Structure formats: structure tokens, C-alpha cells
PDB file of all heavy atoms in Angstrom:
ATOM      1  N   ARG A   1     -17.614   3.890  16.260  1.00  0.00           N
ATOM      2  CA  ARG A   1     -18.070   3.075  15.163  1.00  0.00           C
ATOM      3  C   ARG A   1     -17.115   3.120  14.009  1.00  0.00           C
ATOM      4  O   ARG A   1     -16.694   4.190  13.573  1.00  0.00           O
ATOM      5  CB  ARG A   1     -19.492   3.460  14.672  1.00  0.00           C
ATOM      6  CG  ARG A   1     -20.565   3.285  15.688  1.00  0.00           C
ATOM      7  CD  ARG A   1     -21.908   3.668  15.073  1.00  0.00           C
ATOM      8  NE  ARG A   1     -22.325   2.834  13.975  1.00  0.00           N
ATOM      9  CZ  ARG A   1     -23.499   2.964  13.351  1.00  0.00           C
ATOM     10  NH1 ARG A   1     -24.315   3.872  13.680  1.00  0.00           N
ATOM     11  NH2 ARG A   1     -23.783   2.115  12.329  1.00  0.00           N
ATOM     12  N   ASP A   2     -16.889   1.991  13.368  1.00  0.00           N
ATOM     13  CA  ASP A   2     -16.148   1.940  12.151  1.00  0.00           C
ATOM     14  C   ASP A   2     -16.862   1.060  11.075  1.00  0.00           C
ATOM     15  O   ASP A   2     -16.338   0.780  10.042  1.00  0.00           O
ATOM     16  CB  ASP A   2     -14.674   1.490  12.311  1.00  0.00           C
ATOM     17  CG  ASP A   2     -14.530   0.160  12.969  1.00  0.00           C
ATOM     18  OD1 ASP A   2     -15.557  -0.535  13.096  1.00  0.00           O
ATOM     19  OD2 ASP A   2     -13.425  -0.201  13.372  1.00  0.00           O
ATOM     20  N   ASP A   3     -18.127   0.752  11.406  1.00  0.00           N
ATOM     21  CA  ASP A   3     -18.984  -0.036  10.473  1.00  0.00           C
ATOM     22  C   ASP A   3     -19.681   0.927   9.519  1.00  0.00           C
ATOM     23  O   ASP A   3     -20.851   0.730   9.253  1.00  0.00           O
ATOM     24  CB  ASP A   3     -19.990  -0.911  11.254  1.00  0.00           C
ATOM     25  CG  ASP A   3     -20.928  -0.061  12.051  1.00  0.00           C
ATOM     26  OD1 ASP A   3     -20.563   0.985  12.541  1.00  0.00           O
ATOM     27  OD2 ASP A   3     -22.111  -0.489  12.231  1.00  0.00           O
ATOM     28  N   LEU A   4     -18.928   1.924   9.043  1.00  0.00           N
ATOM     29  CA  LEU A   4     -19.506   3.020   8.260  1.00  0.00           C
ATOM     30  C   LEU A   4     -18.850   3.156   6.945  1.00  0.00           C
ATOM     31  O   LEU A   4     -17.757   2.647   6.661  1.00  0.00           O
ATOM     32  CB  LEU A   4     -19.418   4.314   9.020  1.00  0.00           C
ATOM     33  CG  LEU A   4     -20.097   4.410  10.377  1.00  0.00           C
ATOM     34  CD1 LEU A   4     -19.687   5.708  11.079  1.00  0.00           C
ATOM     35  CD2 LEU A   4     -21.580   4.265  10.284  1.00  0.00           C
ATOM     36  N   ILE A   5     -19.546   3.825   6.020  1.00  0.00           N
ATOM     37  CA  ILE A   5     -18.972   4.288   4.797  1.00  0.00           C
ATOM     38  C   ILE A   5     -19.312   5.817   4.773  1.00  0.00           C
ATOM     39  O   ILE A   5     -20.455   6.149   4.970  1.00  0.00           O
ATOM     40  CB  ILE A   5     -19.569   3.548   3.574  1.00  0.00           C
ATOM     41  CG1 ILE A   5     -19.059   4.149   2.265  1.00  0.00           C
ATOM     42  CG2 ILE A   5     -21.072   3.570   3.569  1.00  0.00           C
ATOM     43  CD1 ILE A   5     -17.670   3.794   1.935  1.00  0.00           C
ATOM     44  N   TYR A   6     -18.336   6.632   4.501  1.00  0.00           N
ATOM     45  CA  TYR A   6     -18.588   8.061   4.430  1.00  0.00           C
ATOM     46  C   TYR A   6     -18.940   8.467   3.005  1.00  0.00           C
ATOM     47  O   TYR A   6     -18.226   8.146   2.097  1.00  0.00           O
ATOM     48  CB  TYR A   6     -17.301   8.840   4.880  1.00  0.00           C
ATOM     49  CG  TYR A   6     -16.897   8.552   6.308  1.00  0.00           C
ATOM     50  CD1 TYR A   6     -15.529   8.608   6.663  1.00  0.00           C
ATOM     51  CD2 TYR A   6     -17.814   8.322   7.322  1.00  0.00           C
ATOM     52  CE1 TYR A   6     -15.142   8.370   7.986  1.00  0.00           C
ATOM     53  CE2 TYR A   6     -17.409   8.044   8.632  1.00  0.00           C
ATOM     54  CZ  TYR A   6     -16.062   8.079   8.946  1.00  0.00           C
ATOM     55  OH  TYR A   6     -15.672   7.811  10.246  1.00  0.00           O
ATOM     56  N   ILE A   7     -20.067   9.186   2.920  1.00  0.00           N
ATOM     57  CA  ILE A   7     -20.556   9.594   1.561  1.00  0.00           C
ATOM     58  C   ILE A   7     -20.829  11.039   1.507  1.00  0.00           C
ATOM     59  O   ILE A   7     -21.332  11.633   2.399  1.00  0.00           O
ATOM     60  CB  ILE A   7     -21.875   8.802   1.301  1.00  0.00           C
ATOM     61  CG1 ILE A   7     -21.663   7.311   1.239  1.00  0.00           C
ATOM     62  CG2 ILE A   7     -22.536   9.303   0.012  1.00  0.00           C
ATOM     63  CD1 ILE A   7     -22.873   6.420   1.035  1.00  0.00           C
ATOM     64  N   THR A   8     -20.430  11.622   0.369  1.00  0.00           N
ATOM     65  CA  THR A   8     -20.794  13.005   0.094  1.00  0.00           C
ATOM     66  C   THR A   8     -21.135  13.189  -1.387  1.00  0.00           C
ATOM     67  O   THR A   8     -20.897  12.279  -2.223  1.00  0.00           O
ATOM     68  CB  THR A   8     -19.595  13.951   0.446  1.00  0.00           C
ATOM     69  OG1 THR A   8     -20.075  15.283   0.348  1.00  0.00           O
ATOM     70  CG2 THR A   8     -18.466  13.824  -0.611  1.00  0.00           C
ATOM     71  N   CYS A   9     -21.823  14.295  -1.690  1.00  0.00           N
ATOM     72  CA  CYS A   9     -22.253  14.551  -3.024  1.00  0.00           C
ATOM     73  C   CYS A   9     -21.996  16.023  -3.355  1.00  0.00           C
ATOM     74  O   CYS A   9     -22.185  16.892  -2.501  1.00  0.00           O
ATOM     75  CB  CYS A   9     -23.781  14.254  -3.142  1.00  0.00           C
ATOM     76  SG  CYS A   9     -24.489  14.621  -4.768  1.00  0.00           S
ATOM     77  N   ILE A  10     -21.534  16.241  -4.594  1.00  0.00           N
ATOM     78  CA  ILE A  10     -21.260  17.608  -5.048  1.00  0.00           C
ATOM     79  C   ILE A  10     -22.089  17.778  -6.313  1.00  0.00           C
ATOM     80  O   ILE A  10     -21.566  17.681  -7.455  1.00  0.00           O
ATOM     81  CB  ILE A  10     -19.783  17.833  -5.341  1.00  0.00           C
ATOM     82  CG1 ILE A  10     -18.950  17.433  -4.056  1.00  0.00           C
ATOM     83  CG2 ILE A  10     -19.480  19.315  -5.655  1.00  0.00           C
ATOM     84  CD1 ILE A  10     -17.442  17.349  -4.309  1.00  0.00           C
ATOM     85  N   PRO A  11     -23.386  18.053  -6.197  1.00  0.00           N
ATOM     86  CA  PRO A  11     -24.279  18.024  -7.332  1.00  0.00           C
ATOM     87  C   PRO A  11     -24.145  19.230  -8.222  1.00  0.00           C
ATOM     88  O   PRO A  11     -24.853  19.328  -9.226  1.00  0.00           O
ATOM     89  CB  PRO A  11     -25.686  17.988  -6.709  1.00  0.00           C
ATOM     90  CG  PRO A  11     -25.511  18.672  -5.387  1.00  0.00           C
ATOM     91  CD  PRO A  11     -24.121  18.272  -4.946  1.00  0.00           C
ATOM     92  N   TRP A  12     -23.215  20.156  -7.908  1.00  0.00           N
ATOM     93  CA  TRP A  12     -23.035  21.358  -8.738  1.00  0.00           C
ATOM     94  C   TRP A  12     -21.940  21.229  -9.762  1.00  0.00           C
ATOM     95  O   TRP A  12     -21.766  22.048 -10.618  1.00  0.00           O
ATOM     96  CB  TRP A  12     -22.769  22.504  -7.780  1.00  0.00           C
ATOM     97  CG  TRP A  12     -23.732  22.612  -6.708  1.00  0.00           C
ATOM     98  CD1 TRP A  12     -24.988  23.226  -6.686  1.00  0.00           C
ATOM     99  CD2 TRP A  12     -23.518  22.090  -5.357  1.00  0.00           C
ATOM    100  NE1 TRP A  12     -25.580  23.122  -5.485  1.00  0.00           N
ATOM    101  CE2 TRP A  12     -24.737  22.400  -4.619  1.00  0.00           C
ATOM    102  CE3 TRP A  12     -22.568  21.377  -4.733  1.00  0.00           C
ATOM    103  CZ2 TRP A  12     -24.910  22.034  -3.291  1.00  0.00           C
ATOM    104  CZ3 TRP A  12     -22.695  21.043  -3.376  1.00  0.00           C
ATOM    105  CH2 TRP A  12     -23.908  21.328  -2.707  1.00  0.00           C
ATOM    106  N   VAL A  13     -21.132  20.092  -9.664  1.00  0.00           N
ATOM    107  CA  VAL A  13     -19.959  19.961 -10.497  1.00  0.00           C
ATOM    108  C   VAL A  13     -19.835  18.553 -11.046  1.00  0.00           C
ATOM    109  O   VAL A  13     -19.948  17.577 -10.301  1.00  0.00           O
ATOM    110  CB  VAL A  13     -18.644  20.307  -9.661  1.00  0.00           C
ATOM    111  CG1 VAL A  13     -17.443  20.166 -10.527  1.00  0.00           C
ATOM    112  CG2 VAL A  13     -18.739  21.634  -9.060  1.00  0.00           C
ATOM    113  N   SER A  14     -19.591  18.426 -12.331  1.00  0.00           N
ATOM    114  CA  SER A  14     -19.326  17.134 -12.904  1.00  0.00           C
ATOM    115  C   SER A  14     -17.781  16.917 -12.915  1.00  0.00           C
ATOM    116  O   SER A  14     -17.115  17.184 -13.833  1.00  0.00           O
ATOM    117  CB  SER A  14     -19.795  17.039 -14.412  1.00  0.00           C
ATOM    118  OG  SER A  14     -21.211  17.185 -14.411  1.00  0.00           O
ATOM    119  N   PHE A  15     -17.291  16.531 -11.753  1.00  0.00           N
ATOM    120  CA  PHE A  15     -15.853  16.462 -11.547  1.00  0.00           C
ATOM    121  C   PHE A  15     -15.204  15.285 -12.325  1.00  0.00           C
ATOM    122  O   PHE A  15     -15.853  14.317 -12.664  1.00  0.00           O
ATOM    123  CB  PHE A  15     -15.514  16.436 -10.045  1.00  0.00           C
ATOM    124  CG  PHE A  15     -16.054  15.224  -9.326  1.00  0.00           C
ATOM    125  CD1 PHE A  15     -15.560  13.926  -9.463  1.00  0.00           C
ATOM    126  CD2 PHE A  15     -17.102  15.364  -8.407  1.00  0.00           C
ATOM    127  CE1 PHE A  15     -16.017  12.906  -8.780  1.00  0.00           C
ATOM    128  CE2 PHE A  15     -17.640  14.300  -7.733  1.00  0.00           C
ATOM    129  CZ  PHE A  15     -17.068  13.062  -7.895  1.00  0.00           C
ATOM    130  N   THR A  16     -13.914  15.423 -12.524  1.00  0.00           N
ATOM    131  CA  THR A  16     -13.139  14.329 -13.055  1.00  0.00           C
ATOM    132  C   THR A  16     -12.074  13.779 -12.104  1.00  0.00           C
ATOM    133  O   THR A  16     -11.483  12.764 -12.335  1.00  0.00           O
ATOM    134  CB  THR A  16     -12.357  14.762 -14.332  1.00  0.00           C
ATOM    135  OG1 THR A  16     -11.543  15.960 -14.023  1.00  0.00           O
ATOM    136  CG2 THR A  16     -13.338  15.188 -15.450  1.00  0.00           C
ATOM    137  N   ASN A  17     -11.924  14.520 -10.997  1.00  0.00           N
ATOM    138  CA  ASN A  17     -11.035  14.060  -9.917  1.00  0.00           C
ATOM    139  C   ASN A  17     -11.542  14.691  -8.598  1.00  0.00           C
ATOM    140  O   ASN A  17     -12.281  15.605  -8.599  1.00  0.00           O
ATOM    141  CB  ASN A  17      -9.638  14.452 -10.213  1.00  0.00           C
ATOM    142  CG  ASN A  17      -8.651  13.577  -9.378  1.00  0.00           C
ATOM    143  OD1 ASN A  17      -9.024  12.710  -8.649  1.00  0.00           O
ATOM    144  ND2 ASN A  17      -7.344  13.884  -9.503  1.00  0.00           N
ATOM    145  N   LEU A  18     -11.062  14.114  -7.466  1.00  0.00           N
ATOM    146  CA  LEU A  18     -11.535  14.547  -6.192  1.00  0.00           C
ATOM    147  C   LEU A  18     -10.488  14.209  -5.143  1.00  0.00           C
ATOM    148  O   LEU A  18      -9.723  13.238  -5.316  1.00  0.00           O
ATOM    149  CB  LEU A  18     -12.893  13.846  -5.875  1.00  0.00           C
ATOM    150  CG  LEU A  18     -13.595  14.166  -4.597  1.00  0.00           C
ATOM    151  CD1 LEU A  18     -14.367  15.525  -4.843  1.00  0.00           C
ATOM    152  CD2 LEU A  18     -14.597  13.099  -4.236  1.00  0.00           C
ATOM    153  N   SER A  19     -10.495  14.942  -4.041  1.00  0.00           N
ATOM    154  CA  SER A  19      -9.723  14.537  -2.912  1.00  0.00           C
ATOM    155  C   SER A  19     -10.554  14.754  -1.626  1.00  0.00           C
ATOM    156  O   SER A  19     -11.486  15.560  -1.602  1.00  0.00           O
ATOM    157  CB  SER A  19      -8.404  15.347  -2.742  1.00  0.00           C
ATOM    158  OG  SER A  19      -8.688  16.751  -2.553  1.00  0.00           O
ATOM    159  N   HIS A  20     -10.267  13.983  -0.594  1.00  0.00           N
ATOM    160  CA  HIS A  20     -11.039  14.113   0.676  1.00  0.00           C
ATOM    161  C   HIS A  20     -10.134  14.642   1.781  1.00  0.00           C
ATOM    162  O   HIS A  20      -8.905  14.440   1.739  1.00  0.00           O
ATOM    163  CB  HIS A  20     -11.529  12.719   1.106  1.00  0.00           C
ATOM    164  CG  HIS A  20     -12.611  12.174   0.269  1.00  0.00           C
ATOM    165  ND1 HIS A  20     -13.904  12.475   0.393  1.00  0.00           N
ATOM    166  CD2 HIS A  20     -12.534  11.275  -0.775  1.00  0.00           C
ATOM    167  CE1 HIS A  20     -14.640  11.827  -0.479  1.00  0.00           C
ATOM    168  NE2 HIS A  20     -13.833  11.101  -1.233  1.00  0.00           N
ATOM    169  N   THR A  21     -10.731  15.340   2.753  1.00  0.00           N
ATOM    170  CA  THR A  21      -9.989  15.659   3.952  1.00  0.00           C
ATOM    171  C   THR A  21      -9.835  14.396   4.705  1.00  0.00           C
ATOM    172  O   THR A  21     -10.751  13.593   4.863  1.00  0.00           O
ATOM    173  CB  THR A  21     -10.797  16.727   4.745  1.00  0.00           C
ATOM    174  OG1 THR A  21     -12.095  16.243   5.056  1.00  0.00           O
ATOM    175  CG2 THR A  21     -10.889  18.057   3.998  1.00  0.00           C
ATOM    176  N   ILE A  22      -8.673  14.223   5.306  1.00  0.00           N
ATOM    177  CA  ILE A  22      -8.403  13.001   6.026  1.00  0.00           C
ATOM    178  C   ILE A  22      -7.291  13.252   7.073  1.00  0.00           C
ATOM    179  O   ILE A  22      -6.363  14.018   6.777  1.00  0.00           O
ATOM    180  CB  ILE A  22      -8.057  11.851   5.102  1.00  0.00           C
ATOM    181  CG1 ILE A  22      -8.088  10.459   5.836  1.00  0.00           C
ATOM    182  CG2 ILE A  22      -6.703  12.063   4.441  1.00  0.00           C
ATOM    183  CD1 ILE A  22      -8.063   9.275   4.886  1.00  0.00           C
ATOM    184  N   SER A  23      -7.362  12.637   8.209  1.00  0.00           N
ATOM    185  CA  SER A  23      -6.297  12.797   9.183  1.00  0.00           C
ATOM    186  C   SER A  23      -5.296  11.648   8.992  1.00  0.00           C
ATOM    187  O   SER A  23      -5.655  10.555   8.457  1.00  0.00           O
ATOM    188  CB  SER A  23      -6.857  12.657  10.593  1.00  0.00           C
ATOM    189  OG  SER A  23      -7.529  11.398  10.823  1.00  0.00           O
ATOM    190  N   PHE A  24      -4.055  11.850   9.346  1.00  0.00           N
ATOM    191  CA  PHE A  24      -3.058  10.862   9.150  1.00  0.00           C
ATOM    192  C   PHE A  24      -3.090   9.888  10.362  1.00  0.00           C
ATOM    193  O   PHE A  24      -2.196   9.766  11.155  1.00  0.00           O
ATOM    194  CB  PHE A  24      -1.667  11.488   9.016  1.00  0.00           C
ATOM    195  CG  PHE A  24      -1.475  12.096   7.656  1.00  0.00           C
ATOM    196  CD1 PHE A  24      -1.604  13.471   7.512  1.00  0.00           C
ATOM    197  CD2 PHE A  24      -1.158  11.294   6.584  1.00  0.00           C
ATOM    198  CE1 PHE A  24      -1.439  14.037   6.179  1.00  0.00           C
ATOM    199  CE2 PHE A  24      -0.981  11.853   5.295  1.00  0.00           C
ATOM    200  CZ  PHE A  24      -1.118  13.235   5.115  1.00  0.00           C
ATOM    201  N   ASN A  25      -4.209   9.198  10.449  1.00  0.00           N
ATOM    202  CA  ASN A  25      -4.435   8.189  11.457  1.00  0.00           C
ATOM    203  C   ASN A  25      -4.413   6.846  10.792  1.00  0.00           C
ATOM    204  O   ASN A  25      -5.285   6.557   9.963  1.00  0.00           O
ATOM    205  CB  ASN A  25      -5.808   8.422  12.129  1.00  0.00           C
ATOM    206  CG  ASN A  25      -6.202   7.317  13.104  1.00  0.00           C
ATOM    207  OD1 ASN A  25      -5.406   6.431  13.370  1.00  0.00           O
ATOM    208  ND2 ASN A  25      -7.453   7.417  13.578  1.00  0.00           N
ATOM    209  N   LYS A  26      -3.370   6.059  11.107  1.00  0.00           N
ATOM    210  CA  LYS A  26      -3.193   4.811  10.380  1.00  0.00           C
ATOM    211  C   LYS A  26      -4.338   3.786  10.648  1.00  0.00           C
ATOM    212  O   LYS A  26      -4.420   2.804   9.938  1.00  0.00           O
ATOM    213  CB  LYS A  26      -1.826   4.198  10.683  1.00  0.00           C
ATOM    214  CG  LYS A  26      -0.698   5.051  10.133  1.00  0.00           C
ATOM    215  CD  LYS A  26       0.646   4.308  10.279  1.00  0.00           C
ATOM    216  CE  LYS A  26       1.729   5.149   9.620  1.00  0.00           C
ATOM    217  NZ  LYS A  26       3.029   4.449   9.660  1.00  0.00           N
ATOM    218  N   GLU A  27      -5.137   4.072  11.678  1.00  0.00           N
ATOM    219  CA  GLU A  27      -6.262   3.128  11.928  1.00  0.00           C
ATOM    220  C   GLU A  27      -7.529   3.566  11.116  1.00  0.00           C
ATOM    221  O   GLU A  27      -8.496   2.847  11.090  1.00  0.00           O
ATOM    222  CB  GLU A  27      -6.562   3.128  13.411  1.00  0.00           C
ATOM    223  CG  GLU A  27      -5.498   2.423  14.240  1.00  0.00           C
ATOM    224  CD  GLU A  27      -5.871   2.352  15.679  1.00  0.00           C
ATOM    225  OE1 GLU A  27      -7.094   2.327  15.959  1.00  0.00           O
ATOM    226  OE2 GLU A  27      -4.975   2.310  16.564  1.00  0.00           O
ATOM    227  N   ASP A  28      -7.470   4.686  10.438  1.00  0.00           N
ATOM    228  CA  ASP A  28      -8.668   5.190   9.717  1.00  0.00           C
ATOM    229  C   ASP A  28      -8.680   4.418   8.437  1.00  0.00           C
ATOM    230  O   ASP A  28      -7.980   4.704   7.472  1.00  0.00           O
ATOM    231  CB  ASP A  28      -8.518   6.640   9.466  1.00  0.00           C
ATOM    232  CG  ASP A  28      -9.697   7.180   8.620  1.00  0.00           C
ATOM    233  OD1 ASP A  28     -10.595   6.436   8.315  1.00  0.00           O
ATOM    234  OD2 ASP A  28      -9.725   8.387   8.336  1.00  0.00           O
ATOM    235  N   SER A  29      -9.585   3.436   8.415  1.00  0.00           N
ATOM    236  CA  SER A  29      -9.678   2.568   7.213  1.00  0.00           C
ATOM    237  C   SER A  29     -11.116   2.575   6.652  1.00  0.00           C
ATOM    238  O   SER A  29     -11.537   1.680   5.893  1.00  0.00           O
ATOM    239  CB  SER A  29      -9.284   1.118   7.526  1.00  0.00           C
ATOM    240  OG  SER A  29      -9.842   0.719   8.747  1.00  0.00           O
TER     241      SER A  29
END
């Protein structure tokens, strides 16, 4: 499936920036 949106929450921190883990798969959109 790629009809998805990946969502996460970090309710312990009021962040100002963020990065995600991601594979270098050019089809991952």
C-alpha cells in the first residue's frame, strides 16, 4: 500500500525541528 500518510506524535517535547528515519528508496513518496 502507498495510499497512506505516516503519522507520529512526540507529546513530551515542544520541538522546533524534526527528522524522520527513511530508507534511500526513490519510490518512497
